[in-house]
Amino acid sequence: MKATLTSRETAQYLGISYWKLLELAKAGAIPHIRVGNRVLFRQPSIMAWLEAREQASVAAEPEPIQGKIRRLRG
């Protein structure tokens, strides 16, 4: 079993483009390891990153707006 995933493998795993993944890595927005010219990713780190992003998106969603109950004329 490999300890790291390549950029292409990680992009496919996440369902995003290779270029978007490299953009996220360059911005420091996703955990990665640079080895020379290569950018590598550890699967446990990617899973933790996804979990944190998911939790942040759930916490940021506003409560649904409730409407008023009206009496129908009949």
PDB file of N, CA and C in Angstrom:
ATOM      1  N   MET A   1       0.846  -1.191   0.000  1.00  0.00           N
ATOM      2  CA  MET A   1       0.000   0.000   0.000  1.00  0.00           C
ATOM      3  C   MET A   1       0.879   1.237   0.000  1.00  0.00           C
ATOM      4  N   LYS A   2       0.550   2.198  -0.854  1.00  0.00           N
ATOM      5  CA  LYS A   2       1.326   3.427  -0.961  1.00  0.00           C
ATOM      6  C   LYS A   2       1.017   4.368   0.201  1.00  0.00           C
ATOM      7  N   ALA A   3       2.040   5.100   0.626  1.00  0.00           N
ATOM      8  CA  ALA A   3       1.869   6.069   1.717  1.00  0.00           C
ATOM      9  C   ALA A   3       1.279   7.383   1.212  1.00  0.00           C
ATOM     10  N   THR A   4       1.464   7.670  -0.076  1.00  0.00           N
ATOM     11  CA  THR A   4       0.990   8.938  -0.629  1.00  0.00           C
ATOM     12  C   THR A   4       0.253   8.715  -1.943  1.00  0.00           C
ATOM     13  N   LEU A   5      -0.525   9.721  -2.320  1.00  0.00           N
ATOM     14  CA  LEU A   5      -1.214   9.731  -3.606  1.00  0.00           C
ATOM     15  C   LEU A   5      -0.603  10.827  -4.465  1.00  0.00           C
ATOM     16  N   THR A   6      -0.570  10.607  -5.773  1.00  0.00           N
ATOM     17  CA  THR A   6      -0.097  11.651  -6.678  1.00  0.00           C
ATOM     18  C   THR A   6      -1.184  12.709  -6.827  1.00  0.00           C
ATOM     19  N   SER A   7      -0.829  13.792  -7.475  1.00  0.00           N
ATOM     20  CA  SER A   7      -1.805  14.859  -7.711  1.00  0.00           C
ATOM     21  C   SER A   7      -2.963  14.363  -8.556  1.00  0.00           C
ATOM     22  N   ARG A   8      -2.663  13.613  -9.588  1.00  0.00           N
ATOM     23  CA  ARG A   8      -3.730  13.100 -10.464  1.00  0.00           C
ATOM     24  C   ARG A   8      -4.640  12.114  -9.720  1.00  0.00           C
ATOM     25  N   GLU A   9      -4.063  11.243  -8.920  1.00  0.00           N
ATOM     26  CA  GLU A   9      -4.862  10.299  -8.135  1.00  0.00           C
ATOM     27  C   GLU A   9      -5.754  11.033  -7.139  1.00  0.00           C
ATOM     28  N   THR A  10      -5.200  12.046  -6.487  1.00  0.00           N
ATOM     29  CA  THR A  10      -5.961  12.814  -5.497  1.00  0.00           C
ATOM     30  C   THR A  10      -7.082  13.599  -6.162  1.00  0.00           C
ATOM     31  N   ALA A  11      -6.801  14.209  -7.306  1.00  0.00           N
ATOM     32  CA  ALA A  11      -7.832  14.955  -8.031  1.00  0.00           C
ATOM     33  C   ALA A  11      -8.977  14.029  -8.420  1.00  0.00           C
ATOM     34  N   GLN A  12      -8.652  12.852  -8.900  1.00  0.00           N
ATOM     35  CA  GLN A  12      -9.686  11.882  -9.272  1.00  0.00           C
ATOM     36  C   GLN A  12     -10.461  11.438  -8.037  1.00  0.00           C
ATOM     37  N   TYR A  13      -9.776  11.202  -6.940  1.00  0.00           N
ATOM     38  CA  TYR A  13     -10.401  10.792  -5.688  1.00  0.00           C
ATOM     39  C   TYR A  13     -11.392  11.845  -5.193  1.00  0.00           C
ATOM     40  N   LEU A  14     -11.002  13.124  -5.293  1.00  0.00           N
ATOM     41  CA  LEU A  14     -11.854  14.218  -4.830  1.00  0.00           C
ATOM     42  C   LEU A  14     -12.924  14.614  -5.840  1.00  0.00           C
ATOM     43  N   GLY A  15     -12.750  14.198  -7.086  1.00  0.00           N
ATOM     44  CA  GLY A  15     -13.712  14.565  -8.122  1.00  0.00           C
ATOM     45  C   GLY A  15     -13.551  15.988  -8.605  1.00  0.00           C
ATOM     46  N   ILE A  16     -12.317  16.506  -8.548  1.00  0.00           N
ATOM     47  CA  ILE A  16     -12.030  17.852  -9.045  1.00  0.00           C
ATOM     48  C   ILE A  16     -10.945  17.751 -10.104  1.00  0.00           C
ATOM     49  N   SER A  17     -10.715  18.838 -10.812  1.00  0.00           N
ATOM     50  CA  SER A  17      -9.699  18.807 -11.859  1.00  0.00           C
ATOM     51  C   SER A  17      -8.296  18.816 -11.243  1.00  0.00           C
ATOM     52  N   TYR A  18      -7.376  18.279 -11.993  1.00  0.00           N
ATOM     53  CA  TYR A  18      -5.965  18.263 -11.607  1.00  0.00           C
ATOM     54  C   TYR A  18      -5.466  19.683 -11.366  1.00  0.00           C
ATOM     55  N   TRP A  19      -5.850  20.600 -12.240  1.00  0.00           N
ATOM     56  CA  TRP A  19      -5.387  21.993 -12.136  1.00  0.00           C
ATOM     57  C   TRP A  19      -5.974  22.696 -10.916  1.00  0.00           C
ATOM     58  N   LYS A  20      -7.235  22.411 -10.596  1.00  0.00           N
ATOM     59  CA  LYS A  20      -7.845  22.995  -9.399  1.00  0.00           C
ATOM     60  C   LYS A  20      -7.147  22.490  -8.143  1.00  0.00           C
ATOM     61  N   LEU A  21      -6.797  21.202  -8.126  1.00  0.00           N
ATOM     62  CA  LEU A  21      -6.081  20.637  -6.988  1.00  0.00           C
ATOM     63  C   LEU A  21      -4.732  21.314  -6.799  1.00  0.00           C
ATOM     64  N   LEU A  22      -4.000  21.505  -7.889  1.00  0.00           N
ATOM     65  CA  LEU A  22      -2.701  22.177  -7.785  1.00  0.00           C
ATOM     66  C   LEU A  22      -2.860  23.626  -7.334  1.00  0.00           C
ATOM     67  N   GLU A  23      -3.932  24.274  -7.770  1.00  0.00           N
ATOM     68  CA  GLU A  23      -4.217  25.648  -7.336  1.00  0.00           C
ATOM     69  C   GLU A  23      -4.467  25.690  -5.825  1.00  0.00           C
ATOM     70  N   LEU A  24      -5.233  24.724  -5.308  1.00  0.00           N
ATOM     71  CA  LEU A  24      -5.491  24.643  -3.867  1.00  0.00           C
ATOM     72  C   LEU A  24      -4.197  24.390  -3.091  1.00  0.00           C
ATOM     73  N   ALA A  25      -3.344  23.520  -3.625  1.00  0.00           N
ATOM     74  CA  ALA A  25      -2.072  23.220  -2.962  1.00  0.00           C
ATOM     75  C   ALA A  25      -1.172  24.446  -2.940  1.00  0.00           C
ATOM     76  N   LYS A  26      -1.108  25.139  -4.061  1.00  0.00           N
ATOM     77  CA  LYS A  26      -0.255  26.330  -4.149  1.00  0.00           C
ATOM     78  C   LYS A  26      -0.708  27.408  -3.158  1.00  0.00           C
ATOM     79  N   ALA A  27      -2.022  27.512  -2.967  1.00  0.00           N
ATOM     80  CA  ALA A  27      -2.580  28.500  -2.036  1.00  0.00           C
ATOM     81  C   ALA A  27      -2.468  28.033  -0.583  1.00  0.00           C
ATOM     82  N   GLY A  28      -2.055  26.785  -0.373  1.00  0.00           N
ATOM     83  CA  GLY A  28      -1.960  26.257   0.990  1.00  0.00           C
ATOM     84  C   GLY A  28      -3.308  25.906   1.579  1.00  0.00           C
ATOM     85  N   ALA A  29      -4.309  25.718   0.723  1.00  0.00           N
ATOM     86  CA  ALA A  29      -5.664  25.451   1.186  1.00  0.00           C
ATOM     87  C   ALA A  29      -5.932  23.969   1.420  1.00  0.00           C
ATOM     88  N   ILE A  30      -5.046  23.103   0.964  1.00  0.00           N
ATOM     89  CA  ILE A  30      -5.219  21.661   1.119  1.00  0.00           C
ATOM     90  C   ILE A  30      -3.893  21.070   1.590  1.00  0.00           C
ATOM     91  N   PRO A  31      -3.904  20.125   2.524  1.00  0.00           N
ATOM     92  CA  PRO A  31      -2.641  19.559   3.020  1.00  0.00           C
ATOM     93  C   PRO A  31      -1.919  18.768   1.922  1.00  0.00           C
ATOM     94  N   HIS A  32      -0.648  19.055   1.761  1.00  0.00           N
ATOM     95  CA  HIS A  32       0.149  18.390   0.732  1.00  0.00           C
ATOM     96  C   HIS A  32       1.611  18.338   1.142  1.00  0.00           C
ATOM     97  N   ILE A  33       2.386  17.566   0.394  1.00  0.00           N
ATOM     98  CA  ILE A  33       3.815  17.429   0.634  1.00  0.00           C
ATOM     99  C   ILE A  33       4.525  17.693  -0.684  1.00  0.00           C
ATOM    100  N   ARG A  34       5.509  18.564  -0.660  1.00  0.00           N
ATOM    101  CA  ARG A  34       6.308  18.819  -1.869  1.00  0.00           C
ATOM    102  C   ARG A  34       7.589  18.004  -1.777  1.00  0.00           C
ATOM    103  N   VAL A  35       7.860  17.233  -2.818  1.00  0.00           N
ATOM    104  CA  VAL A  35       9.086  16.450  -2.921  1.00  0.00           C
ATOM    105  C   VAL A  35       9.676  16.792  -4.281  1.00  0.00           C
ATOM    106  N   GLY A  36      10.630  17.712  -4.281  1.00  0.00           N
ATOM    107  CA  GLY A  36      11.165  18.188  -5.555  1.00  0.00           C
ATOM    108  C   GLY A  36      10.073  18.906  -6.319  1.00  0.00           C
ATOM    109  N   ASN A  37       9.841  18.468  -7.541  1.00  0.00           N
ATOM    110  CA  ASN A  37       8.785  19.065  -8.368  1.00  0.00           C
ATOM    111  C   ASN A  37       7.425  18.420  -8.147  1.00  0.00           C
ATOM    112  N   ARG A  38       7.394  17.329  -7.412  1.00  0.00           N
ATOM    113  CA  ARG A  38       6.153  16.597  -7.221  1.00  0.00           C
ATOM    114  C   ARG A  38       5.359  17.131  -6.034  1.00  0.00           C
ATOM    115  N   VAL A  39       4.055  17.053  -6.153  1.00  0.00           N
ATOM    116  CA  VAL A  39       3.149  17.409  -5.064  1.00  0.00           C
ATOM    117  C   VAL A  39       2.404  16.129  -4.707  1.00  0.00           C
ATOM    118  N   LEU A  40       2.565  15.681  -3.462  1.00  0.00           N
ATOM    119  CA  LEU A  40       1.965  14.435  -3.012  1.00  0.00           C
ATOM    120  C   LEU A  40       0.975  14.697  -1.886  1.00  0.00           C
ATOM    121  N   PHE A  41       0.069  13.752  -1.695  1.00  0.00           N
ATOM    122  CA  PHE A  41      -0.999  13.898  -0.703  1.00  0.00           C
ATOM    123  C   PHE A  41      -1.126  12.603   0.072  1.00  0.00           C
ATOM    124  N   ARG A  42      -1.345  12.717   1.391  1.00  0.00           N
ATOM    125  CA  ARG A  42      -1.607  11.544   2.234  1.00  0.00           C
ATOM    126  C   ARG A  42      -3.125  11.394   2.358  1.00  0.00           C
ATOM    127  N   GLN A  43      -3.625  10.193   2.126  1.00  0.00           N
ATOM    128  CA  GLN A  43      -5.063   9.976   2.160  1.00  0.00           C
ATOM    129  C   GLN A  43      -5.685  10.324   3.518  1.00  0.00           C
ATOM    130  N   PRO A  44      -5.073   9.970   4.663  1.00  0.00           N
ATOM    131  CA  PRO A  44      -5.680  10.368   5.947  1.00  0.00           C
ATOM    132  C   PRO A  44      -5.793  11.898   6.095  1.00  0.00           C
ATOM    133  N   SER A  45      -4.808  12.624   5.599  1.00  0.00           N
ATOM    134  CA  SER A  45      -4.852  14.090   5.670  1.00  0.00           C
ATOM    135  C   SER A  45      -5.961  14.647   4.786  1.00  0.00           C
ATOM    136  N   ILE A  46      -6.146  14.050   3.611  1.00  0.00           N
ATOM    137  CA  ILE A  46      -7.200  14.491   2.700  1.00  0.00           C
ATOM    138  C   ILE A  46      -8.570  14.212   3.314  1.00  0.00           C
ATOM    139  N   MET A  47      -8.720  13.042   3.951  1.00  0.00           N
ATOM    140  CA  MET A  47      -9.992  12.716   4.597  1.00  0.00           C
ATOM    141  C   MET A  47     -10.293  13.678   5.743  1.00  0.00           C
ATOM    142  N   ALA A  48      -9.287  14.028   6.543  1.00  0.00           N
ATOM    143  CA  ALA A  48      -9.474  14.987   7.643  1.00  0.00           C
ATOM    144  C   ALA A  48      -9.832  16.358   7.091  1.00  0.00           C
ATOM    145  N   TRP A  49      -9.197  16.755   5.988  1.00  0.00           N
ATOM    146  CA  TRP A  49      -9.474  18.047   5.342  1.00  0.00           C
ATOM    147  C   TRP A  49     -10.921  18.073   4.853  1.00  0.00           C
ATOM    148  N   LEU A  50     -11.366  16.987   4.217  1.00  0.00           N
ATOM    149  CA  LEU A  50     -12.754  16.907   3.745  1.00  0.00           C
ATOM    150  C   LEU A  50     -13.736  17.001   4.910  1.00  0.00           C
ATOM    151  N   GLU A  51     -13.440  16.294   5.985  1.00  0.00           N
ATOM    152  CA  GLU A  51     -14.312  16.318   7.165  1.00  0.00           C
ATOM    153  C   GLU A  51     -14.427  17.734   7.725  1.00  0.00           C
ATOM    154  N   ALA A  52     -13.303  18.433   7.823  1.00  0.00           N
ATOM    155  CA  ALA A  52     -13.308  19.808   8.337  1.00  0.00           C
ATOM    156  C   ALA A  52     -14.111  20.730   7.423  1.00  0.00           C
ATOM    157  N   ARG A  53     -13.961  20.564   6.110  1.00  0.00           N
ATOM    158  CA  ARG A  53     -14.709  21.388   5.158  1.00  0.00           C
ATOM    159  C   ARG A  53     -16.207  21.109   5.266  1.00  0.00           C
ATOM    160  N   GLU A  54     -16.550  19.842   5.436  1.00  0.00           N
ATOM    161  CA  GLU A  54     -17.954  19.469   5.563  1.00  0.00           C
ATOM    162  C   GLU A  54     -18.555  20.071   6.830  1.00  0.00           C
ATOM    163  N   GLN A  55     -17.848  19.964   7.944  1.00  0.00           N
ATOM    164  CA  GLN A  55     -18.334  20.522   9.205  1.00  0.00           C
ATOM    165  C   GLN A  55     -18.501  22.037   9.113  1.00  0.00           C
ATOM    166  N   ALA A  56     -17.555  22.703   8.453  1.00  0.00           N
ATOM    167  CA  ALA A  56     -17.632  24.164   8.303  1.00  0.00           C
ATOM    168  C   ALA A  56     -18.826  24.557   7.441  1.00  0.00           C
ATOM    169  N   SER A  57     -19.115  23.784   6.402  1.00  0.00           N
ATOM    170  CA  SER A  57     -20.241  24.133   5.532  1.00  0.00           C
ATOM    171  C   SER A  57     -21.571  23.914   6.234  1.00  0.00           C
ATOM    172  N   VAL A  58     -21.654  22.890   7.067  1.00  0.00           N
ATOM    173  CA  VAL A  58     -22.889  22.633   7.804  1.00  0.00           C
ATOM    174  C   VAL A  58     -23.107  23.721   8.850  1.00  0.00           C
ATOM    175  N   ALA A  59     -22.048  24.132   9.518  1.00  0.00           N
ATOM    176  CA  ALA A  59     -22.156  25.162  10.550  1.00  0.00           C
ATOM    177  C   ALA A  59     -22.505  26.519   9.951  1.00  0.00           C
ATOM    178  N   ALA A  60     -22.097  26.760   8.702  1.00  0.00           N
ATOM    179  CA  ALA A  60     -22.304  28.066   8.079  1.00  0.00           C
ATOM    180  C   ALA A  60     -23.688  28.210   7.458  1.00  0.00           C
ATOM    181  N   GLU A  61     -24.414  27.114   7.277  1.00  0.00           N
ATOM    182  CA  GLU A  61     -25.727  27.196   6.647  1.00  0.00           C
ATOM    183  C   GLU A  61     -26.729  27.842   7.597  1.00  0.00           C
ATOM    184  N   PRO A  62     -27.466  28.848   7.107  1.00  0.00           N
ATOM    185  CA  PRO A  62     -28.454  29.514   7.963  1.00  0.00           C
ATOM    186  C   PRO A  62     -29.662  28.609   8.204  1.00  0.00           C
ATOM    187  N   GLU A  63     -30.371  28.907   9.262  1.00  0.00           N
ATOM    188  CA  GLU A  63     -31.596  28.177   9.570  1.00  0.00           C
ATOM    189  C   GLU A  63     -32.622  28.448   8.469  1.00  0.00           C
ATOM    190  N   PRO A  64     -33.431  27.462   8.108  1.00  0.00           N
ATOM    191  CA  PRO A  64     -34.452  27.705   7.090  1.00  0.00           C
ATOM    192  C   PRO A  64     -35.469  28.725   7.590  1.00  0.00           C
ATOM    193  N   ILE A  65     -35.918  29.547   6.693  1.00  0.00           N
ATOM    194  CA  ILE A  65     -36.897  30.581   7.042  1.00  0.00           C
ATOM    195  C   ILE A  65     -38.275  29.929   7.117  1.00  0.00           C
ATOM    196  N   GLN A  66     -38.929  30.152   8.225  1.00  0.00           N
ATOM    197  CA  GLN A  66     -40.258  29.587   8.419  1.00  0.00           C
ATOM    198  C   GLN A  66     -41.300  30.614   8.007  1.00  0.00           C
ATOM    199  N   GLY A  67     -42.306  30.157   7.286  1.00  0.00           N
ATOM    200  CA  GLY A  67     -43.375  31.048   6.868  1.00  0.00           C
ATOM    201  C   GLY A  67     -44.448  31.159   7.947  1.00  0.00           C
ATOM    202  N   LYS A  68     -45.364  32.087   7.743  1.00  0.00           N
ATOM    203  CA  LYS A  68     -46.480  32.255   8.670  1.00  0.00           C
ATOM    204  C   LYS A  68     -47.616  31.327   8.266  1.00  0.00           C
ATOM    205  N   ILE A  69     -48.321  30.847   9.256  1.00  0.00           N
ATOM    206  CA  ILE A  69     -49.490  30.019   8.979  1.00  0.00           C
ATOM    207  C   ILE A  69     -50.662  30.959   8.743  1.00  0.00           C
ATOM    208  N   ARG A  70     -51.354  30.748   7.615  1.00  0.00           N
ATOM    209  CA  ARG A  70     -52.510  31.588   7.295  1.00  0.00           C
ATOM    210  C   ARG A  70     -53.773  30.750   7.273  1.00  0.00           C
ATOM    211  N   ARG A  71     -54.830  31.375   7.625  1.00  0.00           N
ATOM    212  CA  ARG A  71     -56.141  30.708   7.573  1.00  0.00           C
ATOM    213  C   ARG A  71     -56.699  30.899   6.169  1.00  0.00           C
ATOM    214  N   LEU A  72     -57.135  29.790   5.567  1.00  0.00           N
ATOM    215  CA  LEU A  72     -57.723  29.870   4.227  1.00  0.00           C
ATOM    216  C   LEU A  72     -59.180  30.258   4.319  1.00  0.00           C
ATOM    217  N   ARG A  73     -59.611  31.096   3.407  1.00  0.00           N
ATOM    218  CA  ARG A  73     -61.022  31.497   3.364  1.00  0.00           C
ATOM    219  C   ARG A  73     -61.773  30.422   2.581  1.00  0.00           C
ATOM    220  N   GLY A  74     -62.864  30.068   3.082  1.00  0.00           N
ATOM    221  CA  GLY A  74     -63.495  28.975   2.425  1.00  0.00           C
ATOM    222  C   GLY A  74     -64.880  29.105   2.089  1.00  0.00           C
TER     223      GLY A  74
END
